[in-house]
Amino acid sequence: MLDVLAEGEAPARGDLAATVHRVADGAPALLATDLGAARGDGVFETFGVVDGHPQAVDAHLTRLASSAALLDLPEPNLEQWRAAVAIAADALPRTRQGGIKLVLTRGVEGTGIPTAWIVVTVAERDFAERQHGIRVVTLDRGYASDVAQRAPWLLAGAKTLSYAVNMAALREAARRGADDVIFTSTDGYVMEAPTSTVVIRRGDAFSTPRADIGILPGTSQLSLFEFLRSAGFRAEAGLIPVSGLRDADGVWLVSSLRLAAPVTHIDGMPVRHDPEMTGRMNAALLARDA
């Protein structure tokens, strides 16, 4: 893990390198009184590193700043974070896909000083779901699609450290013999997966749920849609009825580390999928330089 002081005035790259503390696996690195650990009071971003290149850095930093604003955290110094990401990426081997996780918390209780760090990992799996697909179940997220406007204190749309509900949903999926979850709103619309964005295809048109219904804007989905539009497809965000999942010409869960995983079954029923299109999607995502 790299423990990078990533707030305050942005120093030169060399000065920042001198402030980087590399923490060995298993070594103490966080006070138990930090509100990120004690209450989940913080935000994070995770993105892939391919051939030494951190992917979609600007999009992730923009979302980090947006999440911080929703939690009334201090505005992140994005230039300093960007320099820290470059240092972190240098620590990863180029022979395997890696991951970088940025974390910003409210800090130790009572100090008013935020805590920030970066975790660097090498992928321990081969992401076989990109080829073989995944089985998902639909689960009710428990609120309607207007939750972000009606109840902003629920922090819908912020990537917070409070992931207990998402992890509980994945355990429920496993109990039902599935690999993942697609959350739905109480008024009948597709939302997101616990750690991924939903993308569906109907003919030559691709769509993803609108972020203003209380979900995270997908960074890899943005890159994917840029590729799809350049390839001549229509790609846009909108309201997607749950019924639109089962009669789609393809459904994918898209995330920064997994990339595009085709959905093969929804609630035990098979859905159409296109291995050739999945291959094109993942090739485009793996080829990103930024």
Protein backbone atom coordinates (compact mmCIF):
# COMPACT_ATOMS: atom_id res chain seq x y z
CA MET A 1 0.00 0.00 0.00
CA LEU A 2 1.13 3.56 -0.68
CA ASP A 3 0.20 6.00 2.07
CA VAL A 4 0.21 9.30 0.17
CA LEU A 5 -0.50 12.64 1.79
CA ALA A 6 -2.79 13.89 -0.97
CA GLU A 7 -4.28 17.12 0.32
CA GLY A 8 -3.09 20.70 0.66
CA GLU A 9 -0.91 22.65 -1.72
CA ALA A 10 0.17 20.65 -4.75
CA PRO A 11 3.94 20.13 -4.66
CA ALA A 12 6.18 19.29 -7.57
CA ARG A 13 6.29 15.63 -8.56
CA GLY A 14 9.68 15.14 -6.92
CA ASP A 15 8.53 16.79 -3.67
CA LEU A 16 5.44 14.58 -3.57
CA ALA A 17 7.57 11.47 -4.12
CA ALA A 18 9.46 12.35 -0.95
CA THR A 19 6.21 12.31 1.07
CA VAL A 20 5.15 8.83 -0.09
CA HIS A 21 5.23 6.17 2.61
CA ARG A 22 5.10 2.57 1.44
CA VAL A 23 3.32 0.39 3.98
CA ALA A 24 3.97 -3.35 3.93
CA ASP A 25 1.02 -5.73 3.68
CA GLY A 26 -0.29 -6.43 7.15
CA ALA A 27 1.42 -3.45 8.77
CA PRO A 28 -0.71 -0.97 10.77
CA ALA A 29 -1.72 1.94 8.55
CA LEU A 30 -4.89 3.54 9.95
CA LEU A 31 -6.03 4.75 13.36
CA ALA A 32 -9.07 2.94 14.71
CA THR A 33 -10.63 6.31 15.50
CA ASP A 34 -10.59 7.40 11.85
CA LEU A 35 -14.18 8.07 10.85
CA GLY A 36 -13.69 6.22 7.58
CA ALA A 37 -13.14 3.00 9.52
CA ALA A 38 -15.48 3.74 12.43
CA ARG A 39 -18.48 5.04 10.48
CA GLY A 40 -17.79 4.61 6.78
CA ASP A 41 -17.60 8.42 6.60
CA GLY A 42 -15.57 8.86 3.45
CA VAL A 43 -15.41 8.35 -0.29
CA PHE A 44 -13.30 6.28 -2.65
CA GLU A 45 -12.52 5.49 -6.27
CA THR A 46 -11.07 2.32 -7.81
CA PHE A 47 -9.68 2.04 -11.32
CA GLY A 48 -7.62 -0.33 -13.40
CA VAL A 49 -4.01 -0.05 -14.51
CA VAL A 50 -3.16 -1.72 -17.83
CA ASP A 51 0.44 -1.86 -19.14
CA GLY A 52 1.40 0.75 -16.57
CA HIS A 53 -1.38 3.16 -17.64
CA PRO A 54 -4.00 4.17 -15.03
CA GLN A 55 -7.32 4.22 -16.86
CA ALA A 56 -9.85 7.06 -16.94
CA VAL A 57 -7.99 9.06 -14.29
CA ASP A 58 -9.77 12.35 -15.03
CA ALA A 59 -13.21 10.75 -14.86
CA HIS A 60 -12.40 9.08 -11.54
CA LEU A 61 -10.98 12.24 -10.02
CA THR A 62 -14.04 14.20 -11.15
CA ARG A 63 -16.28 11.64 -9.47
CA LEU A 64 -14.09 11.69 -6.33
CA ALA A 65 -14.61 15.46 -6.11
CA SER A 66 -18.36 15.08 -6.69
CA SER A 67 -18.65 12.43 -3.98
CA ALA A 68 -16.62 14.57 -1.56
CA ALA A 69 -18.93 17.54 -2.19
CA LEU A 70 -22.03 15.42 -1.48
CA LEU A 71 -20.50 14.44 1.89
CA ASP A 72 -19.36 18.02 2.70
CA LEU A 73 -15.74 16.86 2.73
CA PRO A 74 -12.97 19.32 1.82
CA GLU A 75 -12.53 19.76 -1.92
CA PRO A 76 -9.82 17.31 -3.10
CA ASN A 77 -6.67 18.78 -4.58
CA LEU A 78 -7.00 16.96 -7.91
CA GLU A 79 -3.56 17.89 -9.25
CA GLN A 80 -1.95 16.43 -6.16
CA TRP A 81 -4.07 13.29 -6.42
CA ARG A 82 -3.13 12.99 -10.10
CA ALA A 83 0.57 13.14 -9.25
CA ALA A 84 0.07 10.57 -6.48
CA VAL A 85 -1.71 8.23 -8.92
CA ALA A 86 1.27 8.39 -11.27
CA ILE A 87 3.60 7.39 -8.43
CA ALA A 88 1.27 4.55 -7.45
CA ALA A 89 1.09 3.25 -11.03
CA ASP A 90 4.89 3.13 -11.17
CA ALA A 91 4.80 0.60 -8.31
CA LEU A 92 2.82 -1.93 -10.35
CA PRO A 93 4.25 -4.54 -12.73
CA ARG A 94 3.40 -4.08 -16.38
CA THR A 95 2.86 -7.78 -16.96
CA ARG A 96 -0.51 -8.01 -15.17
CA GLN A 97 -3.58 -5.85 -14.75
CA GLY A 98 -3.44 -3.82 -11.57
CA GLY A 99 -5.76 -1.66 -9.53
CA ILE A 100 -5.51 1.64 -7.68
CA LYS A 101 -7.91 2.66 -4.93
CA LEU A 102 -8.13 6.27 -3.72
CA VAL A 103 -9.65 6.87 -0.29
CA LEU A 104 -10.58 10.17 1.37
CA THR A 105 -12.18 10.17 4.83
CA ARG A 106 -13.27 12.77 7.35
CA GLY A 107 -10.23 11.79 9.39
CA VAL A 108 -9.73 11.08 13.06
CA GLU A 109 -12.78 12.10 15.06
CA GLY A 110 -12.47 15.58 16.53
CA THR A 111 -9.47 16.73 14.51
CA GLY A 112 -11.23 18.18 11.47
CA ILE A 113 -8.31 16.95 9.33
CA PRO A 114 -9.18 14.54 6.48
CA THR A 115 -7.25 11.33 5.91
CA ALA A 116 -6.19 10.25 2.42
CA TRP A 117 -4.40 7.21 1.07
CA ILE A 118 -3.91 5.06 -2.01
CA VAL A 119 -3.97 1.27 -2.16
CA VAL A 120 -2.14 -0.46 -5.01
CA THR A 121 -2.94 -4.07 -5.91
CA VAL A 122 -2.13 -6.62 -8.59
CA ALA A 123 -5.19 -8.46 -9.91
CA GLU A 124 -5.33 -11.96 -8.47
CA ARG A 125 -7.89 -13.27 -10.97
CA ASP A 126 -8.11 -13.63 -14.71
CA PHE A 127 -11.56 -11.99 -15.08
CA ALA A 128 -12.96 -15.07 -16.81
CA GLU A 129 -16.43 -13.51 -16.62
CA ARG A 130 -15.46 -11.34 -19.58
CA GLN A 131 -15.59 -14.50 -21.71
CA HIS A 132 -17.98 -16.78 -19.84
CA GLY A 133 -20.49 -14.22 -18.60
CA ILE A 134 -22.30 -13.88 -15.30
CA ARG A 135 -25.65 -14.80 -13.82
CA VAL A 136 -27.50 -12.00 -12.02
CA VAL A 137 -30.61 -11.54 -9.92
CA THR A 138 -32.71 -8.39 -9.65
CA LEU A 139 -33.14 -6.97 -6.14
CA ASP A 140 -35.23 -4.04 -4.96
CA ARG A 141 -32.94 -1.18 -3.91
CA GLY A 142 -35.67 0.10 -1.60
CA TYR A 143 -36.33 3.54 -3.02
CA ALA A 144 -37.86 5.22 -6.06
CA SER A 145 -36.00 6.71 -9.01
CA ASP A 146 -36.52 10.28 -7.72
CA VAL A 147 -34.61 9.61 -4.48
CA ALA A 148 -31.65 11.88 -5.34
CA GLN A 149 -33.94 14.91 -5.68
CA ARG A 150 -36.37 13.98 -2.91
CA ALA A 151 -33.90 12.84 -0.23
CA PRO A 152 -30.35 14.10 -0.98
CA TRP A 153 -29.21 13.18 2.55
CA LEU A 154 -29.31 9.53 1.49
CA LEU A 155 -26.20 10.34 -0.63
CA ALA A 156 -27.46 8.50 -3.69
CA GLY A 157 -24.87 9.09 -6.40
CA ALA A 158 -21.90 9.38 -4.01
CA LYS A 159 -19.27 6.64 -3.97
CA THR A 160 -19.02 6.34 -0.20
CA LEU A 161 -17.20 3.82 1.97
CA SER A 162 -20.58 2.60 3.27
CA TYR A 163 -20.79 -0.54 1.13
CA ALA A 164 -22.42 -2.88 3.65
CA VAL A 165 -25.72 -2.95 1.71
CA ASN A 166 -23.94 -3.66 -1.58
CA MET A 167 -21.98 -6.53 -0.05
CA ALA A 168 -25.15 -7.92 1.54
CA ALA A 169 -26.78 -7.88 -1.90
CA LEU A 170 -23.90 -9.88 -3.37
CA ARG A 171 -24.24 -12.45 -0.60
CA GLU A 172 -27.96 -12.71 -1.36
CA ALA A 173 -27.11 -13.27 -5.03
CA ALA A 174 -24.79 -16.12 -4.05
CA ARG A 175 -27.54 -17.68 -1.92
CA ARG A 176 -29.74 -17.63 -5.03
CA GLY A 177 -27.07 -19.29 -7.18
CA ALA A 178 -26.07 -16.11 -9.03
CA ASP A 179 -22.87 -14.08 -9.38
CA ASP A 180 -24.12 -10.52 -9.13
CA VAL A 181 -27.09 -8.20 -8.70
CA ILE A 182 -28.94 -5.59 -10.71
CA PHE A 183 -30.71 -3.20 -8.36
CA THR A 184 -34.15 -1.93 -9.32
CA SER A 185 -36.12 1.05 -8.05
CA THR A 186 -39.45 0.70 -6.27
CA ASP A 187 -41.14 2.36 -9.25
CA GLY A 188 -39.85 -0.25 -11.67
CA TYR A 189 -36.63 1.04 -13.26
CA VAL A 190 -33.18 -0.48 -13.69
CA MET A 191 -30.57 1.17 -11.46
CA GLU A 192 -27.06 -0.27 -11.10
CA ALA A 193 -25.12 -3.25 -9.80
CA PRO A 194 -23.34 -3.17 -6.42
CA THR A 195 -19.97 -2.47 -8.08
CA SER A 196 -20.84 -1.99 -11.75
CA THR A 197 -22.87 0.01 -14.25
CA VAL A 198 -25.62 -1.65 -16.30
CA VAL A 199 -25.49 -1.36 -20.10
CA ILE A 200 -28.15 -2.88 -22.40
CA ARG A 201 -28.39 -3.25 -26.16
CA ARG A 202 -31.45 -3.15 -28.36
CA GLY A 203 -30.59 -3.36 -32.04
CA ASP A 204 -27.97 -0.73 -32.84
CA ALA A 205 -28.77 1.30 -29.72
CA PHE A 206 -27.05 0.96 -26.35
CA SER A 207 -28.38 2.52 -23.17
CA THR A 208 -27.52 2.88 -19.49
CA PRO A 209 -29.63 4.19 -16.60
CA ARG A 210 -29.54 7.95 -16.04
CA ALA A 211 -27.32 8.96 -13.13
CA ASP A 212 -29.94 11.35 -11.74
CA ILE A 213 -32.09 8.45 -10.55
CA GLY A 214 -29.75 7.97 -7.59
CA ILE A 215 -26.88 5.92 -8.99
CA LEU A 216 -23.19 6.49 -9.63
CA PRO A 217 -22.18 7.82 -13.03
CA GLY A 218 -20.07 5.07 -14.59
CA THR A 219 -16.52 6.01 -15.60
CA SER A 220 -15.87 2.90 -17.70
CA GLN A 221 -19.35 3.23 -19.16
CA LEU A 222 -18.41 6.72 -20.40
CA SER A 223 -15.34 5.29 -22.15
CA LEU A 224 -17.39 2.43 -23.56
CA PHE A 225 -20.01 4.79 -24.98
CA GLU A 226 -17.28 6.87 -26.65
CA PHE A 227 -16.11 3.69 -28.40
CA LEU A 228 -19.63 2.64 -29.37
CA ARG A 229 -20.44 6.03 -30.88
CA SER A 230 -17.18 6.01 -32.84
CA ALA A 231 -18.17 2.56 -34.15
CA GLY A 232 -21.50 3.91 -35.46
CA PHE A 233 -23.84 2.84 -32.67
CA ARG A 234 -26.25 5.01 -30.72
CA ALA A 235 -25.43 5.21 -27.03
CA GLU A 236 -27.32 7.26 -24.45
CA ALA A 237 -28.55 7.34 -20.87
CA GLY A 238 -32.23 7.06 -20.06
CA LEU A 239 -34.92 5.47 -17.93
CA ILE A 240 -34.91 1.71 -18.48
CA PRO A 241 -37.93 -0.30 -17.28
CA VAL A 242 -37.06 -3.58 -15.58
CA SER A 243 -38.92 -5.36 -18.39
CA GLY A 244 -36.30 -3.94 -20.76
CA LEU A 245 -33.68 -6.27 -19.30
CA ARG A 246 -35.31 -9.49 -20.36
CA ASP A 247 -36.07 -8.63 -23.98
CA ALA A 248 -32.76 -6.85 -24.65
CA ASP A 249 -30.31 -7.99 -27.29
CA GLY A 250 -27.55 -7.89 -24.70
CA VAL A 251 -26.90 -6.86 -21.10
CA TRP A 252 -23.49 -6.10 -19.60
CA LEU A 253 -22.15 -5.12 -16.19
CA VAL A 254 -19.30 -2.66 -16.69
CA SER A 255 -16.69 -1.59 -14.13
CA SER A 256 -13.13 -0.34 -13.97
CA LEU A 257 -11.52 -3.67 -13.04
CA ARG A 258 -13.97 -6.19 -14.47
CA LEU A 259 -14.50 -4.13 -17.66
CA ALA A 260 -17.48 -5.49 -19.66
CA ALA A 261 -18.99 -8.76 -18.41
CA PRO A 262 -21.94 -10.12 -20.40
CA VAL A 263 -25.01 -11.19 -18.47
CA THR A 264 -26.15 -14.68 -19.45
CA HIS A 265 -29.06 -15.17 -17.03
CA ILE A 266 -31.38 -12.83 -15.12
CA ASP A 267 -33.37 -14.33 -12.24
CA GLY A 268 -32.63 -17.77 -13.64
CA MET A 269 -33.85 -17.01 -17.17
CA PRO A 270 -31.38 -16.93 -20.09
CA VAL A 271 -30.84 -13.64 -21.93
CA ARG A 272 -29.26 -13.03 -25.32
CA HIS A 273 -25.59 -12.18 -25.44
CA ASP A 274 -23.05 -11.50 -28.18
CA PRO A 275 -19.49 -12.78 -27.52
CA GLU A 276 -18.13 -10.89 -30.52
CA MET A 277 -19.47 -7.56 -29.27
CA THR A 278 -18.21 -8.30 -25.76
CA GLY A 279 -14.75 -8.89 -27.20
CA ARG A 280 -14.84 -5.57 -29.04
CA MET A 281 -15.96 -3.76 -25.90
CA ASN A 282 -13.17 -5.19 -23.75
CA ALA A 283 -10.53 -4.60 -26.39
CA ALA A 284 -11.56 -0.93 -26.49
CA LEU A 285 -11.54 -0.60 -22.71
CA LEU A 286 -8.16 -2.30 -22.36
CA ALA A 287 -6.69 0.00 -24.98
CA ARG A 288 -7.45 3.20 -23.04
CA ASP A 289 -4.39 5.29 -22.21
CA ALA A 290 -6.05 7.67 -19.79
